[in-house]
Amino acid sequence: ADVACRGHTGAVNDMCFSPHGRHLATASDDGSLKVWDLQGEGDSIASAVCVQSFLPHGGAPVTRVLFMDTGGARPGDATMTAADAGVLTGGLSNSEVKLWGPVLGQQAPVAAQQLSIRDPTGAAPRFKMLLDQTSQFVMMANVQENSLLVVHLKGRDEAPSNERIDYL
């Protein structure tokens, strides 16, 4: 049976399943990020309940979302707990990338880290974003500059480090 996730008032730009497959995060032009609990038995989904909704970029459209384990589980490990479930969000219009956690709980998520990405020409950068399996590195390809930015996400009290790689 088809299941609808209703609640966004703008176009959905991106979506991502949690590592264990029970939750779906959706990013929208309406500025919201929603996390859905996909309920059912076995491989069938009977319903989708919104368990979290917030404005990660102050109401600006959310263009990218990636689920990540902020607790350090091993790649392929489907045992991510609610306390460890975070999301990485990207907002094209304000050139921000933010790490939020936890997103599976009763409380509002907290921005643990934030990066502002600026294009030297002043234009809003158009980037593609990918998270590695360990949730330690995020790769961002800037399509306009033909460059790749690799950011090492550190612990909550450490600033992220990055390295820019130009490519042809």
C-alpha atoms as a PDB file:
ATOM      1  CA  ALA A   1       0.000   0.000   0.000  1.00  0.00           C
ATOM      2  CA  ASP A   2       1.137   3.555  -0.698  1.00  0.00           C
ATOM      3  CA  VAL A   3       1.740   5.776   2.311  1.00  0.00           C
ATOM      4  CA  ALA A   4       1.756   9.575   2.106  1.00  0.00           C
ATOM      5  CA  CYS A   5       3.855  11.866   4.280  1.00  0.00           C
ATOM      6  CA  ARG A   6       1.684  14.981   4.386  1.00  0.00           C
ATOM      7  CA  GLY A   7       2.661  18.207   6.105  1.00  0.00           C
ATOM      8  CA  HIS A   8       5.014  20.244   3.924  1.00  0.00           C
ATOM      9  CA  THR A   9       3.540  23.349   2.301  1.00  0.00           C
ATOM     10  CA  GLY A  10       6.324  23.622  -0.308  1.00  0.00           C
ATOM     11  CA  ALA A  11       8.089  21.271  -2.683  1.00  0.00           C
ATOM     12  CA  VAL A  12      10.160  18.487  -1.107  1.00  0.00           C
ATOM     13  CA  ASN A  13      13.772  18.962  -2.264  1.00  0.00           C
ATOM     14  CA  ASP A  14      15.433  15.961  -0.654  1.00  0.00           C
ATOM     15  CA  MET A  15      14.781  12.943   1.535  1.00  0.00           C
ATOM     16  CA  CYS A  16      16.870  10.364   3.331  1.00  0.00           C
ATOM     17  CA  PHE A  17      16.196   7.123   5.228  1.00  0.00           C
ATOM     18  CA  SER A  18      17.788   6.567   8.630  1.00  0.00           C
ATOM     19  CA  PRO A  19      20.400   3.772   8.763  1.00  0.00           C
ATOM     20  CA  HIS A  20      17.898   1.385  10.333  1.00  0.00           C
ATOM     21  CA  GLY A  21      15.211   2.284   7.755  1.00  0.00           C
ATOM     22  CA  ARG A  22      12.487   3.117  10.253  1.00  0.00           C
ATOM     23  CA  HIS A  23      12.644   6.910   9.829  1.00  0.00           C
ATOM     24  CA  LEU A  24      12.555   9.215   6.818  1.00  0.00           C
ATOM     25  CA  ALA A  25      13.762  12.826   6.867  1.00  0.00           C
ATOM     26  CA  THR A  26      12.341  15.265   4.306  1.00  0.00           C
ATOM     27  CA  ALA A  27      13.683  18.725   3.381  1.00  0.00           C
ATOM     28  CA  SER A  28      11.401  21.317   1.816  1.00  0.00           C
ATOM     29  CA  ASP A  29      11.141  24.693   0.104  1.00  0.00           C
ATOM     30  CA  ASP A  30       8.821  25.704   2.955  1.00  0.00           C
ATOM     31  CA  GLY A  31      11.943  25.880   5.142  1.00  0.00           C
ATOM     32  CA  SER A  32      11.078  22.879   7.260  1.00  0.00           C
ATOM     33  CA  LEU A  33      12.730  19.575   7.901  1.00  0.00           C
ATOM     34  CA  LYS A  34      10.422  16.786   8.999  1.00  0.00           C
ATOM     35  CA  VAL A  35      11.298  13.375  10.414  1.00  0.00           C
ATOM     36  CA  TRP A  36       8.731  10.630   9.851  1.00  0.00           C
ATOM     37  CA  ASP A  37       8.330   7.374  11.789  1.00  0.00           C
ATOM     38  CA  LEU A  38       7.449   4.735   9.198  1.00  0.00           C
ATOM     39  CA  GLN A  39       5.248   2.313  11.055  1.00  0.00           C
ATOM     40  CA  GLY A  40       4.380  -1.176   9.952  1.00  0.00           C
ATOM     41  CA  GLU A  41       5.420  -4.796  10.132  1.00  0.00           C
ATOM     42  CA  GLY A  42       8.236  -6.441   8.210  1.00  0.00           C
ATOM     43  CA  ASP A  43       8.890  -4.717   4.908  1.00  0.00           C
ATOM     44  CA  SER A  44       5.437  -3.134   4.634  1.00  0.00           C
ATOM     45  CA  ILE A  45       4.748   0.411   5.777  1.00  0.00           C
ATOM     46  CA  ALA A  46       1.255   1.028   7.125  1.00  0.00           C
ATOM     47  CA  SER A  47       1.580   4.692   8.079  1.00  0.00           C
ATOM     48  CA  ALA A  48       3.967   7.615   8.427  1.00  0.00           C
ATOM     49  CA  VAL A  49       3.786   9.788  11.546  1.00  0.00           C
ATOM     50  CA  CYS A  50       5.686  13.081  11.777  1.00  0.00           C
ATOM     51  CA  VAL A  51       7.781  12.882  14.972  1.00  0.00           C
ATOM     52  CA  GLN A  52       9.890  16.017  14.456  1.00  0.00           C
ATOM     53  CA  SER A  53       9.503  19.254  12.512  1.00  0.00           C
ATOM     54  CA  PHE A  54      11.754  22.308  12.685  1.00  0.00           C
ATOM     55  CA  LEU A  55      13.231  25.157  10.616  1.00  0.00           C
ATOM     56  CA  PRO A  56      16.957  24.352  10.376  1.00  0.00           C
ATOM     57  CA  HIS A  57      17.857  27.452   8.372  1.00  0.00           C
ATOM     58  CA  GLY A  58      15.498  29.999   9.914  1.00  0.00           C
ATOM     59  CA  GLY A  59      12.753  29.436   7.364  1.00  0.00           C
ATOM     60  CA  ALA A  60      15.006  29.492   4.274  1.00  0.00           C
ATOM     61  CA  PRO A  61      14.454  26.530   1.914  1.00  0.00           C
ATOM     62  CA  VAL A  62      16.204  23.320   2.963  1.00  0.00           C
ATOM     63  CA  THR A  63      17.854  21.807  -0.093  1.00  0.00           C
ATOM     64  CA  ARG A  64      19.719  18.799   1.346  1.00  0.00           C
ATOM     65  CA  VAL A  65      19.336  16.376   4.243  1.00  0.00           C
ATOM     66  CA  LEU A  66      21.470  13.416   5.310  1.00  0.00           C
ATOM     67  CA  PHE A  67      20.821  11.179   8.324  1.00  0.00           C
ATOM     68  CA  MET A  68      23.886  10.495  10.407  1.00  0.00           C
ATOM     69  CA  ASP A  69      24.881   8.696  13.573  1.00  0.00           C
ATOM     70  CA  THR A  70      26.373  11.226  15.996  1.00  0.00           C
ATOM     71  CA  GLY A  71      27.160   8.472  18.505  1.00  0.00           C
ATOM     72  CA  GLY A  72      29.882   6.763  16.516  1.00  0.00           C
ATOM     73  CA  ALA A  73      28.298   3.445  15.480  1.00  0.00           C
ATOM     74  CA  ARG A  74      30.265   1.443  12.937  1.00  0.00           C
ATOM     75  CA  PRO A  75      29.387   1.664   9.212  1.00  0.00           C
ATOM     76  CA  GLY A  76      26.526  -0.675   8.342  1.00  0.00           C
ATOM     77  CA  ASP A  77      25.457  -0.902  11.995  1.00  0.00           C
ATOM     78  CA  ALA A  78      21.701  -0.465  12.193  1.00  0.00           C
ATOM     79  CA  THR A  79      21.687   0.054  15.968  1.00  0.00           C
ATOM     80  CA  MET A  80      21.675   3.868  15.952  1.00  0.00           C
ATOM     81  CA  THR A  81      19.779   5.036  19.022  1.00  0.00           C
ATOM     82  CA  ALA A  82      17.346   7.957  19.177  1.00  0.00           C
ATOM     83  CA  ALA A  83      19.919   9.916  21.195  1.00  0.00           C
ATOM     84  CA  ASP A  84      22.497   9.451  18.423  1.00  0.00           C
ATOM     85  CA  ALA A  85      20.323  10.192  15.377  1.00  0.00           C
ATOM     86  CA  GLY A  86      21.374  13.456  13.806  1.00  0.00           C
ATOM     87  CA  VAL A  87      20.873  15.119  10.450  1.00  0.00           C
ATOM     88  CA  LEU A  88      23.114  17.218   8.278  1.00  0.00           C
ATOM     89  CA  THR A  89      21.169  19.936   6.437  1.00  0.00           C
ATOM     90  CA  GLY A  90      22.041  22.264   3.596  1.00  0.00           C
ATOM     91  CA  GLY A  91      20.373  25.532   2.667  1.00  0.00           C
ATOM     92  CA  LEU A  92      21.265  26.874  -0.766  1.00  0.00           C
ATOM     93  CA  SER A  93      19.806  30.360  -0.360  1.00  0.00           C
ATOM     94  CA  ASN A  94      21.793  31.116   2.809  1.00  0.00           C
ATOM     95  CA  SER A  95      24.862  28.961   1.982  1.00  0.00           C
ATOM     96  CA  GLU A  96      24.717  27.079   5.283  1.00  0.00           C
ATOM     97  CA  VAL A  97      25.439  23.510   6.248  1.00  0.00           C
ATOM     98  CA  LYS A  98      24.388  22.502   9.759  1.00  0.00           C
ATOM     99  CA  LEU A  99      24.714  19.383  11.868  1.00  0.00           C
ATOM    100  CA  TRP A 100      21.675  18.806  14.081  1.00  0.00           C
ATOM    101  CA  GLY A 101      21.118  16.293  16.820  1.00  0.00           C
ATOM    102  CA  PRO A 102      19.357  14.497  18.197  1.00  0.00           C
ATOM    103  CA  VAL A 103      16.313  14.536  15.909  1.00  0.00           C
ATOM    104  CA  LEU A 104      14.458  11.471  17.224  1.00  0.00           C
ATOM    105  CA  GLY A 105      13.110  12.710  20.509  1.00  0.00           C
ATOM    106  CA  GLN A 106      10.655  14.964  22.237  1.00  0.00           C
ATOM    107  CA  GLN A 107      12.962  17.975  22.411  1.00  0.00           C
ATOM    108  CA  ALA A 108      13.869  20.371  19.622  1.00  0.00           C
ATOM    109  CA  PRO A 109      17.115  19.465  17.836  1.00  0.00           C
ATOM    110  CA  VAL A 110      20.210  21.519  18.632  1.00  0.00           C
ATOM    111  CA  ALA A 111      22.652  22.785  15.978  1.00  0.00           C
ATOM    112  CA  ALA A 112      25.933  21.170  17.022  1.00  0.00           C
ATOM    113  CA  GLN A 113      28.018  22.567  14.161  1.00  0.00           C
ATOM    114  CA  GLN A 114      27.523  25.114  11.396  1.00  0.00           C
ATOM    115  CA  LEU A 115      29.470  26.003   8.266  1.00  0.00           C
ATOM    116  CA  SER A 116      28.875  29.001   6.021  1.00  0.00           C
ATOM    117  CA  ILE A 117      30.000  28.460   2.473  1.00  0.00           C
ATOM    118  CA  ARG A 118      30.814  31.545   0.435  1.00  0.00           C
ATOM    119  CA  ASP A 119      31.657  31.750  -3.250  1.00  0.00           C
ATOM    120  CA  PRO A 120      34.490  34.236  -4.007  1.00  0.00           C
ATOM    121  CA  THR A 121      32.342  35.833  -6.725  1.00  0.00           C
ATOM    122  CA  GLY A 122      29.560  36.571  -4.226  1.00  0.00           C
ATOM    123  CA  ALA A 123      27.124  34.181  -5.917  1.00  0.00           C
ATOM    124  CA  ALA A 124      25.291  31.586  -3.834  1.00  0.00           C
ATOM    125  CA  PRO A 125      27.323  28.384  -4.270  1.00  0.00           C
ATOM    126  CA  ARG A 126      25.613  25.403  -5.844  1.00  0.00           C
ATOM    127  CA  PHE A 127      26.946  22.343  -4.126  1.00  0.00           C
ATOM    128  CA  LYS A 128      26.254  18.630  -3.892  1.00  0.00           C
ATOM    129  CA  MET A 129      26.736  17.084  -0.468  1.00  0.00           C
ATOM    130  CA  LEU A 130      27.671  13.537   0.528  1.00  0.00           C
ATOM    131  CA  LEU A 131      28.359  11.999   3.951  1.00  0.00           C
ATOM    132  CA  ASP A 132      30.820   9.126   4.335  1.00  0.00           C
ATOM    133  CA  GLN A 133      29.789   5.862   6.030  1.00  0.00           C
ATOM    134  CA  THR A 134      31.487   6.750   9.300  1.00  0.00           C
ATOM    135  CA  SER A 135      29.630  10.099   9.657  1.00  0.00           C
ATOM    136  CA  GLN A 136      33.026  11.747  10.150  1.00  0.00           C
ATOM    137  CA  PHE A 137      33.470  13.477   6.793  1.00  0.00           C
ATOM    138  CA  VAL A 138      31.151  15.466   4.561  1.00  0.00           C
ATOM    139  CA  MET A 139      32.165  16.115   0.968  1.00  0.00           C
ATOM    140  CA  MET A 140      30.721  19.142  -0.815  1.00  0.00           C
ATOM    141  CA  ALA A 141      31.275  19.666  -4.526  1.00  0.00           C
ATOM    142  CA  ASN A 142      30.892  23.283  -5.635  1.00  0.00           C
ATOM    143  CA  VAL A 143      29.590  22.992  -9.194  1.00  0.00           C
ATOM    144  CA  GLN A 144      30.409  26.603 -10.132  1.00  0.00           C
ATOM    145  CA  GLU A 145      34.040  26.539  -8.983  1.00  0.00           C
ATOM    146  CA  ASN A 146      34.870  22.935  -9.907  1.00  0.00           C
ATOM    147  CA  SER A 147      36.106  22.378  -6.377  1.00  0.00           C
ATOM    148  CA  LEU A 148      35.571  19.804  -3.668  1.00  0.00           C
ATOM    149  CA  LEU A 149      35.456  20.723   0.012  1.00  0.00           C
ATOM    150  CA  VAL A 150      36.094  17.901   2.493  1.00  0.00           C
ATOM    151  CA  VAL A 151      35.016  18.700   6.047  1.00  0.00           C
ATOM    152  CA  HIS A 152      36.076  16.555   8.991  1.00  0.00           C
ATOM    153  CA  LEU A 153      33.260  16.692  11.538  1.00  0.00           C
ATOM    154  CA  LYS A 154      34.704  16.689  15.039  1.00  0.00           C
ATOM    155  CA  GLY A 155      33.222  16.228  18.483  1.00  0.00           C
ATOM    156  CA  ARG A 156      30.694  18.688  19.891  1.00  0.00           C
ATOM    157  CA  ASP A 157      33.381  20.869  21.506  1.00  0.00           C
ATOM    158  CA  GLU A 158      35.741  20.926  18.523  1.00  0.00           C
ATOM    159  CA  ALA A 159      35.520  23.106  15.428  1.00  0.00           C
ATOM    160  CA  PRO A 160      35.196  21.251  12.108  1.00  0.00           C
ATOM    161  CA  SER A 161      38.255  21.300   9.873  1.00  0.00           C
ATOM    162  CA  ASN A 162      38.170  21.445   6.090  1.00  0.00           C
ATOM    163  CA  GLU A 163      40.334  21.136   3.027  1.00  0.00           C
ATOM    164  CA  ARG A 164      39.532  22.507  -0.396  1.00  0.00           C
ATOM    165  CA  ILE A 165      40.489  20.436  -3.436  1.00  0.00           C
ATOM    166  CA  ASP A 166      40.263  22.012  -6.901  1.00  0.00           C
ATOM    167  CA  TYR A 167      39.460  19.702  -9.785  1.00  0.00           C
ATOM    168  CA  LEU A 168      39.055  20.138 -13.540  1.00  0.00           C
END
